[in-house]
Amino acid sequence: MKYAYTTRGVCSVQVEFEINDGIVNNVKFTRGCNGNTQGVGALCEGMKADEVIRRLEGIDCGGRGTSCPDQLAKAIKHAMQS
């Protein structure tokens, strides 16, 4: 299933992704640090959603209390709860 999540407190404004059978695919951030967000998406490709959350949740960017990877973890968590 395809999801879109509006990010908060980071340079990116949205993250889109798919979760099928608990596997994350096609992660795409809108805005943000292009190379970094592409890298995060590529590293998460084909990974179990729970593992993505475990690895990315709580990562901080510049003292903001969140980051694009953390926002992806929040987005996946939200998607799995709905």
PDB file of N, CA and C in Angstrom:
ATOM      1  N   MET A   1       0.838  -1.179   0.000  1.00  0.00           N
ATOM      2  CA  MET A   1       0.000   0.000   0.000  1.00  0.00           C
ATOM      3  C   MET A   1       0.884   1.243   0.000  1.00  0.00           C
ATOM      4  N   LYS A   2       0.466   2.273  -0.693  1.00  0.00           N
ATOM      5  CA  LYS A   2       1.231   3.509  -0.815  1.00  0.00           C
ATOM      6  C   LYS A   2       0.802   4.506   0.266  1.00  0.00           C
ATOM      7  N   TYR A   3       1.795   5.201   0.842  1.00  0.00           N
ATOM      8  CA  TYR A   3       1.540   6.167   1.905  1.00  0.00           C
ATOM      9  C   TYR A   3       2.254   7.476   1.604  1.00  0.00           C
ATOM     10  N   ALA A   4       1.691   8.575   2.108  1.00  0.00           N
ATOM     11  CA  ALA A   4       2.327   9.886   2.061  1.00  0.00           C
ATOM     12  C   ALA A   4       2.213  10.478   3.463  1.00  0.00           C
ATOM     13  N   TYR A   5       3.307  11.061   3.931  1.00  0.00           N
ATOM     14  CA  TYR A   5       3.361  11.596   5.289  1.00  0.00           C
ATOM     15  C   TYR A   5       3.960  12.993   5.233  1.00  0.00           C
ATOM     16  N   THR A   6       3.289  13.961   5.850  1.00  0.00           N
ATOM     17  CA  THR A   6       3.800  15.322   5.927  1.00  0.00           C
ATOM     18  C   THR A   6       4.781  15.401   7.089  1.00  0.00           C
ATOM     19  N   THR A   7       6.021  15.732   6.771  1.00  0.00           N
ATOM     20  CA  THR A   7       7.070  15.780   7.789  1.00  0.00           C
ATOM     21  C   THR A   7       6.965  17.059   8.607  1.00  0.00           C
ATOM     22  N   ARG A   8       7.609  17.047   9.788  1.00  0.00           N
ATOM     23  CA  ARG A   8       7.602  18.210  10.686  1.00  0.00           C
ATOM     24  C   ARG A   8       9.002  18.424  11.247  1.00  0.00           C
ATOM     25  N   GLY A   9       9.446  19.681  11.247  1.00  0.00           N
ATOM     26  CA  GLY A   9      10.705  20.037  11.892  1.00  0.00           C
ATOM     27  C   GLY A   9      11.957  19.725  11.092  1.00  0.00           C
ATOM     28  N   VAL A  10      11.811  19.414   9.793  1.00  0.00           N
ATOM     29  CA  VAL A  10      12.957  19.088   8.947  1.00  0.00           C
ATOM     30  C   VAL A  10      12.854  19.833   7.614  1.00  0.00           C
ATOM     31  N   CYS A  11      13.905  19.753   6.825  1.00  0.00           N
ATOM     32  CA  CYS A  11      13.937  20.441   5.530  1.00  0.00           C
ATOM     33  C   CYS A  11      12.993  19.807   4.503  1.00  0.00           C
ATOM     34  N   SER A  12      12.827  18.490   4.569  1.00  0.00           N
ATOM     35  CA  SER A  12      11.883  17.851   3.650  1.00  0.00           C
ATOM     36  C   SER A  12      10.464  18.195   4.102  1.00  0.00           C
ATOM     37  N   VAL A  13       9.528  18.177   3.170  1.00  0.00           N
ATOM     38  CA  VAL A  13       8.148  18.526   3.503  1.00  0.00           C
ATOM     39  C   VAL A  13       7.215  17.324   3.457  1.00  0.00           C
ATOM     40  N   GLN A  14       7.657  16.261   2.797  1.00  0.00           N
ATOM     41  CA  GLN A  14       6.828  15.064   2.695  1.00  0.00           C
ATOM     42  C   GLN A  14       7.702  13.860   2.372  1.00  0.00           C
ATOM     43  N   VAL A  15       7.239  12.695   2.805  1.00  0.00           N
ATOM     44  CA  VAL A  15       7.886  11.446   2.427  1.00  0.00           C
ATOM     45  C   VAL A  15       6.796  10.496   1.945  1.00  0.00           C
ATOM     46  N   GLU A  16       7.054   9.874   0.808  1.00  0.00           N
ATOM     47  CA  GLU A  16       6.142   8.879   0.257  1.00  0.00           C
ATOM     48  C   GLU A  16       6.863   7.544   0.238  1.00  0.00           C
ATOM     49  N   PHE A  17       6.112   6.472   0.449  1.00  0.00           N
ATOM     50  CA  PHE A  17       6.697   5.135   0.485  1.00  0.00           C
ATOM     51  C   PHE A  17       5.589   4.110   0.337  1.00  0.00           C
ATOM     52  N   GLU A  18       5.994   2.868   0.142  1.00  0.00           N
ATOM     53  CA  GLU A  18       5.054   1.757   0.080  1.00  0.00           C
ATOM     54  C   GLU A  18       5.438   0.729   1.134  1.00  0.00           C
ATOM     55  N   ILE A  19       4.427   0.081   1.686  1.00  0.00           N
ATOM     56  CA  ILE A  19       4.653  -1.065   2.569  1.00  0.00           C
ATOM     57  C   ILE A  19       3.774  -2.191   2.047  1.00  0.00           C
ATOM     58  N   ASN A  20       4.409  -3.273   1.666  1.00  0.00           N
ATOM     59  CA  ASN A  20       3.702  -4.457   1.202  1.00  0.00           C
ATOM     60  C   ASN A  20       4.248  -5.666   1.947  1.00  0.00           C
ATOM     61  N   ASP A  21       3.359  -6.389   2.621  1.00  0.00           N
ATOM     62  CA  ASP A  21       3.755  -7.549   3.415  1.00  0.00           C
ATOM     63  C   ASP A  21       4.858  -7.212   4.410  1.00  0.00           C
ATOM     64  N   GLY A  22       4.780  -5.998   4.998  1.00  0.00           N
ATOM     65  CA  GLY A  22       5.739  -5.577   6.011  1.00  0.00           C
ATOM     66  C   GLY A  22       7.083  -5.118   5.481  1.00  0.00           C
ATOM     67  N   ILE A  23       7.204  -4.977   4.144  1.00  0.00           N
ATOM     68  CA  ILE A  23       8.459  -4.576   3.506  1.00  0.00           C
ATOM     69  C   ILE A  23       8.326  -3.164   2.937  1.00  0.00           C
ATOM     70  N   VAL A  24       9.328  -2.323   3.174  1.00  0.00           N
ATOM     71  CA  VAL A  24       9.337  -0.933   2.718  1.00  0.00           C
ATOM     72  C   VAL A  24       9.979  -0.844   1.331  1.00  0.00           C
ATOM     73  N   ASN A  25       9.321  -0.093   0.445  1.00  0.00           N
ATOM     74  CA  ASN A  25       9.831   0.132  -0.905  1.00  0.00           C
ATOM     75  C   ASN A  25       9.495   1.543  -1.374  1.00  0.00           C
ATOM     76  N   ASN A  26      10.219   1.988  -2.391  1.00  0.00           N
ATOM     77  CA  ASN A  26       9.932   3.242  -3.108  1.00  0.00           C
ATOM     78  C   ASN A  26       9.851   4.471  -2.202  1.00  0.00           C
ATOM     79  N   VAL A  27      10.829   4.633  -1.322  1.00  0.00           N
ATOM     80  CA  VAL A  27      10.876   5.795  -0.431  1.00  0.00           C
ATOM     81  C   VAL A  27      11.346   7.008  -1.230  1.00  0.00           C
ATOM     82  N   LYS A  28      10.555   8.083  -1.174  1.00  0.00           N
ATOM     83  CA  LYS A  28      10.897   9.317  -1.877  1.00  0.00           C
ATOM     84  C   LYS A  28      10.544  10.509  -0.996  1.00  0.00           C
ATOM     85  N   PHE A  29      11.539  11.340  -0.739  1.00  0.00           N
ATOM     86  CA  PHE A  29      11.331  12.563   0.027  1.00  0.00           C
ATOM     87  C   PHE A  29      11.112  13.728  -0.931  1.00  0.00           C
ATOM     88  N   THR A  30      10.274  14.673  -0.525  1.00  0.00           N
ATOM     89  CA  THR A  30      10.101  15.920  -1.260  1.00  0.00           C
ATOM     90  C   THR A  30      10.884  16.983  -0.506  1.00  0.00           C
ATOM     91  N   ARG A  31      11.827  17.605  -1.200  1.00  0.00           N
ATOM     92  CA  ARG A  31      12.791  18.558  -0.648  1.00  0.00           C
ATOM     93  C   ARG A  31      13.776  17.847   0.271  1.00  0.00           C
ATOM     94  N   GLY A  32      14.441  18.612   1.114  1.00  0.00           N
ATOM     95  CA  GLY A  32      15.464  18.043   1.985  1.00  0.00           C
ATOM     96  C   GLY A  32      16.803  17.983   1.278  1.00  0.00           C
ATOM     97  N   CYS A  33      17.783  17.408   1.915  1.00  0.00           N
ATOM     98  CA  CYS A  33      19.128  17.243   1.349  1.00  0.00           C
ATOM     99  C   CYS A  33      19.072  16.077   0.363  1.00  0.00           C
ATOM    100  N   ASN A  34      19.036  16.395  -0.900  1.00  0.00           N
ATOM    101  CA  ASN A  34      18.751  15.421  -1.949  1.00  0.00           C
ATOM    102  C   ASN A  34      19.585  14.147  -1.859  1.00  0.00           C
ATOM    103  N   GLY A  35      20.882  14.280  -1.752  1.00  0.00           N
ATOM    104  CA  GLY A  35      21.738  13.098  -1.683  1.00  0.00           C
ATOM    105  C   GLY A  35      21.462  12.259  -0.447  1.00  0.00           C
ATOM    106  N   ASN A  36      21.286  12.919   0.688  1.00  0.00           N
ATOM    107  CA  ASN A  36      21.026  12.185   1.929  1.00  0.00           C
ATOM    108  C   ASN A  36      19.683  11.476   1.898  1.00  0.00           C
ATOM    109  N   THR A  37      18.650  12.156   1.425  1.00  0.00           N
ATOM    110  CA  THR A  37      17.337  11.524   1.417  1.00  0.00           C
ATOM    111  C   THR A  37      17.273  10.387   0.396  1.00  0.00           C
ATOM    112  N   GLN A  38      17.966  10.537  -0.735  1.00  0.00           N
ATOM    113  CA  GLN A  38      18.039   9.432  -1.694  1.00  0.00           C
ATOM    114  C   GLN A  38      18.773   8.246  -1.084  1.00  0.00           C
ATOM    115  N   GLY A  39      19.826   8.534  -0.338  1.00  0.00           N
ATOM    116  CA  GLY A  39      20.592   7.475   0.320  1.00  0.00           C
ATOM    117  C   GLY A  39      19.772   6.726   1.343  1.00  0.00           C
ATOM    118  N   VAL A  40      19.019   7.459   2.155  1.00  0.00           N
ATOM    119  CA  VAL A  40      18.160   6.820   3.156  1.00  0.00           C
ATOM    120  C   VAL A  40      17.141   5.931   2.454  1.00  0.00           C
ATOM    121  N   GLY A  41      16.535   6.441   1.397  1.00  0.00           N
ATOM    122  CA  GLY A  41      15.554   5.662   0.649  1.00  0.00           C
ATOM    123  C   GLY A  41      16.150   4.392   0.073  1.00  0.00           C
ATOM    124  N   ALA A  42      17.345   4.504  -0.506  1.00  0.00           N
ATOM    125  CA  ALA A  42      18.004   3.340  -1.106  1.00  0.00           C
ATOM    126  C   ALA A  42      18.365   2.300  -0.045  1.00  0.00           C
ATOM    127  N   LEU A  43      18.827   2.754   1.099  1.00  0.00           N
ATOM    128  CA  LEU A  43      19.202   1.817   2.166  1.00  0.00           C
ATOM    129  C   LEU A  43      17.999   1.098   2.762  1.00  0.00           C
ATOM    130  N   CYS A  44      16.838   1.750   2.738  1.00  0.00           N
ATOM    131  CA  CYS A  44      15.630   1.143   3.310  1.00  0.00           C
ATOM    132  C   CYS A  44      14.910   0.226   2.327  1.00  0.00           C
ATOM    133  N   GLU A  45      15.253   0.317   1.065  1.00  0.00           N
ATOM    134  CA  GLU A  45      14.583  -0.471   0.020  1.00  0.00           C
ATOM    135  C   GLU A  45      14.630  -1.965   0.342  1.00  0.00           C
ATOM    136  N   GLY A  46      13.454  -2.577   0.419  1.00  0.00           N
ATOM    137  CA  GLY A  46      13.367  -4.012   0.658  1.00  0.00           C
ATOM    138  C   GLY A  46      13.544  -4.436   2.105  1.00  0.00           C
ATOM    139  N   MET A  47      13.665  -3.476   3.015  1.00  0.00           N
ATOM    140  CA  MET A  47      13.887  -3.781   4.428  1.00  0.00           C
ATOM    141  C   MET A  47      12.535  -3.928   5.145  1.00  0.00           C
ATOM    142  N   LYS A  48      12.512  -4.749   6.174  1.00  0.00           N
ATOM    143  CA  LYS A  48      11.312  -4.892   6.983  1.00  0.00           C
ATOM    144  C   LYS A  48      11.008  -3.562   7.669  1.00  0.00           C
ATOM    145  N   ALA A  49       9.738  -3.201   7.700  1.00  0.00           N
ATOM    146  CA  ALA A  49       9.319  -1.928   8.283  1.00  0.00           C
ATOM    147  C   ALA A  49       9.776  -1.783   9.725  1.00  0.00           C
ATOM    148  N   ASP A  50       9.656  -2.837  10.521  1.00  0.00           N
ATOM    149  CA  ASP A  50      10.086  -2.776  11.921  1.00  0.00           C
ATOM    150  C   ASP A  50      11.581  -2.493  12.047  1.00  0.00           C
ATOM    151  N   GLU A  51      12.364  -3.027  11.133  1.00  0.00           N
ATOM    152  CA  GLU A  51      13.808  -2.811  11.153  1.00  0.00           C
ATOM    153  C   GLU A  51      14.152  -1.371  10.771  1.00  0.00           C
ATOM    154  N   VAL A  52      13.426  -0.813   9.804  1.00  0.00           N
ATOM    155  CA  VAL A  52      13.644   0.593   9.429  1.00  0.00           C
ATOM    156  C   VAL A  52      13.373   1.476  10.636  1.00  0.00           C
ATOM    157  N   ILE A  53      12.264   1.231  11.321  1.00  0.00           N
ATOM    158  CA  ILE A  53      11.927   2.022  12.510  1.00  0.00           C
ATOM    159  C   ILE A  53      13.018   1.881  13.569  1.00  0.00           C
ATOM    160  N   ARG A  54      13.446   0.658  13.826  1.00  0.00           N
ATOM    161  CA  ARG A  54      14.466   0.405  14.850  1.00  0.00           C
ATOM    162  C   ARG A  54      15.758   1.160  14.553  1.00  0.00           C
ATOM    163  N   ARG A  55      16.158   1.187  13.296  1.00  0.00           N
ATOM    164  CA  ARG A  55      17.430   1.812  12.927  1.00  0.00           C
ATOM    165  C   ARG A  55      17.372   3.330  12.844  1.00  0.00           C
ATOM    166  N   LEU A  56      16.230   3.890  12.444  1.00  0.00           N
ATOM    167  CA  LEU A  56      16.166   5.324  12.154  1.00  0.00           C
ATOM    168  C   LEU A  56      15.524   6.181  13.235  1.00  0.00           C
ATOM    169  N   GLU A  57      14.690   5.586  14.049  1.00  0.00           N
ATOM    170  CA  GLU A  57      13.968   6.353  15.071  1.00  0.00           C
ATOM    171  C   GLU A  57      14.940   7.019  16.039  1.00  0.00           C
ATOM    172  N   GLY A  58      14.725   8.317  16.258  1.00  0.00           N
ATOM    173  CA  GLY A  58      15.527   9.055  17.235  1.00  0.00           C
ATOM    174  C   GLY A  58      16.762   9.739  16.675  1.00  0.00           C
ATOM    175  N   ILE A  59      17.061   9.552  15.388  1.00  0.00           N
ATOM    176  CA  ILE A  59      18.217  10.248  14.797  1.00  0.00           C
ATOM    177  C   ILE A  59      17.915  11.739  14.769  1.00  0.00           C
ATOM    178  N   ASP A  60      18.885  12.531  15.206  1.00  0.00           N
ATOM    179  CA  ASP A  60      18.729  13.984  15.311  1.00  0.00           C
ATOM    180  C   ASP A  60      19.548  14.692  14.232  1.00  0.00           C
ATOM    181  N   CYS A  61      19.021  15.786  13.723  1.00  0.00           N
ATOM    182  CA  CYS A  61      19.735  16.602  12.736  1.00  0.00           C
ATOM    183  C   CYS A  61      19.908  18.010  13.295  1.00  0.00           C
ATOM    184  N   GLY A  62      21.123  18.364  13.625  1.00  0.00           N
ATOM    185  CA  GLY A  62      21.430  19.731  14.046  1.00  0.00           C
ATOM    186  C   GLY A  62      20.683  20.208  15.278  1.00  0.00           C
ATOM    187  N   GLY A  63      20.379  19.329  16.215  1.00  0.00           N
ATOM    188  CA  GLY A  63      19.704  19.727  17.444  1.00  0.00           C
ATOM    189  C   GLY A  63      18.219  19.999  17.288  1.00  0.00           C
ATOM    190  N   ARG A  64      17.624  19.547  16.192  1.00  0.00           N
ATOM    191  CA  ARG A  64      16.200  19.786  15.942  1.00  0.00           C
ATOM    192  C   ARG A  64      15.295  18.830  16.707  1.00  0.00           C
ATOM    193  N   GLY A  65      15.875  17.763  17.241  1.00  0.00           N
ATOM    194  CA  GLY A  65      15.065  16.764  17.921  1.00  0.00           C
ATOM    195  C   GLY A  65      14.463  15.748  16.963  1.00  0.00           C
ATOM    196  N   THR A  66      14.735  15.900  15.692  1.00  0.00           N
ATOM    197  CA  THR A  66      14.260  14.979  14.666  1.00  0.00           C
ATOM    198  C   THR A  66      15.180  15.104  13.455  1.00  0.00           C
ATOM    199  N   SER A  67      14.901  14.341  12.427  1.00  0.00           N
ATOM    200  CA  SER A  67      15.667  14.364  11.183  1.00  0.00           C
ATOM    201  C   SER A  67      14.808  13.724  10.103  1.00  0.00           C
ATOM    202  N   CYS A  68      15.258  13.779   8.870  1.00  0.00           N
ATOM    203  CA  CYS A  68      14.511  13.106   7.803  1.00  0.00           C
ATOM    204  C   CYS A  68      14.426  11.597   8.058  1.00  0.00           C
ATOM    205  N   PRO A  69      15.517  10.925   8.462  1.00  0.00           N
ATOM    206  CA  PRO A  69      15.378   9.509   8.786  1.00  0.00           C
ATOM    207  C   PRO A  69      14.392   9.263   9.938  1.00  0.00           C
ATOM    208  N   ASP A  70      14.436  10.092  10.971  1.00  0.00           N
ATOM    209  CA  ASP A  70      13.504   9.962  12.091  1.00  0.00           C
ATOM    210  C   ASP A  70      12.068  10.168  11.620  1.00  0.00           C
ATOM    211  N   GLN A  71      11.860  11.130  10.735  1.00  0.00           N
ATOM    212  CA  GLN A  71      10.519  11.371  10.199  1.00  0.00           C
ATOM    213  C   GLN A  71      10.030  10.182   9.383  1.00  0.00           C
ATOM    214  N   LEU A  72      10.929   9.527   8.657  1.00  0.00           N
ATOM    215  CA  LEU A  72      10.552   8.318   7.929  1.00  0.00           C
ATOM    216  C   LEU A  72      10.118   7.230   8.913  1.00  0.00           C
ATOM    217  N   ALA A  73      10.854   7.074  10.005  1.00  0.00           N
ATOM    218  CA  ALA A  73      10.474   6.088  11.029  1.00  0.00           C
ATOM    219  C   ALA A  73       9.094   6.406  11.586  1.00  0.00           C
ATOM    220  N   LYS A  74       8.841   7.677  11.870  1.00  0.00           N
ATOM    221  CA  LYS A  74       7.532   8.086  12.380  1.00  0.00           C
ATOM    222  C   LYS A  74       6.439   7.801  11.349  1.00  0.00           C
ATOM    223  N   ALA A  75       6.732   8.079  10.086  1.00  0.00           N
ATOM    224  CA  ALA A  75       5.764   7.862   9.018  1.00  0.00           C
ATOM    225  C   ALA A  75       5.407   6.382   8.890  1.00  0.00           C
ATOM    226  N   ILE A  76       6.413   5.528   8.943  1.00  0.00           N
ATOM    227  CA  ILE A  76       6.192   4.085   8.828  1.00  0.00           C
ATOM    228  C   ILE A  76       5.390   3.591  10.040  1.00  0.00           C
ATOM    229  N   LYS A  77       5.747   4.067  11.211  1.00  0.00           N
ATOM    230  CA  LYS A  77       5.026   3.695  12.433  1.00  0.00           C
ATOM    231  C   LYS A  77       3.546   4.078  12.301  1.00  0.00           C
ATOM    232  N   HIS A  78       3.308   5.311  11.846  1.00  0.00           N
ATOM    233  CA  HIS A  78       1.946   5.809  11.659  1.00  0.00           C
ATOM    234  C   HIS A  78       1.189   4.951  10.655  1.00  0.00           C
ATOM    235  N   ALA A  79       1.832   4.616   9.553  1.00  0.00           N
ATOM    236  CA  ALA A  79       1.205   3.799   8.509  1.00  0.00           C
ATOM    237  C   ALA A  79       0.841   2.415   9.038  1.00  0.00           C
ATOM    238  N   MET A  80       1.709   1.857   9.845  1.00  0.00           N
ATOM    239  CA  MET A  80       1.472   0.508  10.366  1.00  0.00           C
ATOM    240  C   MET A  80       0.343   0.493  11.405  1.00  0.00           C
ATOM    241  N   GLN A  81       0.124   1.626  12.076  1.00  0.00           N
ATOM    242  CA  GLN A  81      -0.919   1.714  13.079  1.00  0.00           C
ATOM    243  C   GLN A  81      -2.285   1.995  12.485  1.00  0.00           C
ATOM    244  N   SER A  82      -2.301   2.513  11.220  1.00  0.00           N
ATOM    245  CA  SER A  82      -3.597   2.840  10.608  1.00  0.00           C
ATOM    246  C   SER A  82      -4.162   1.689   9.826  1.00  0.00           C
TER     247      SER A  82
END
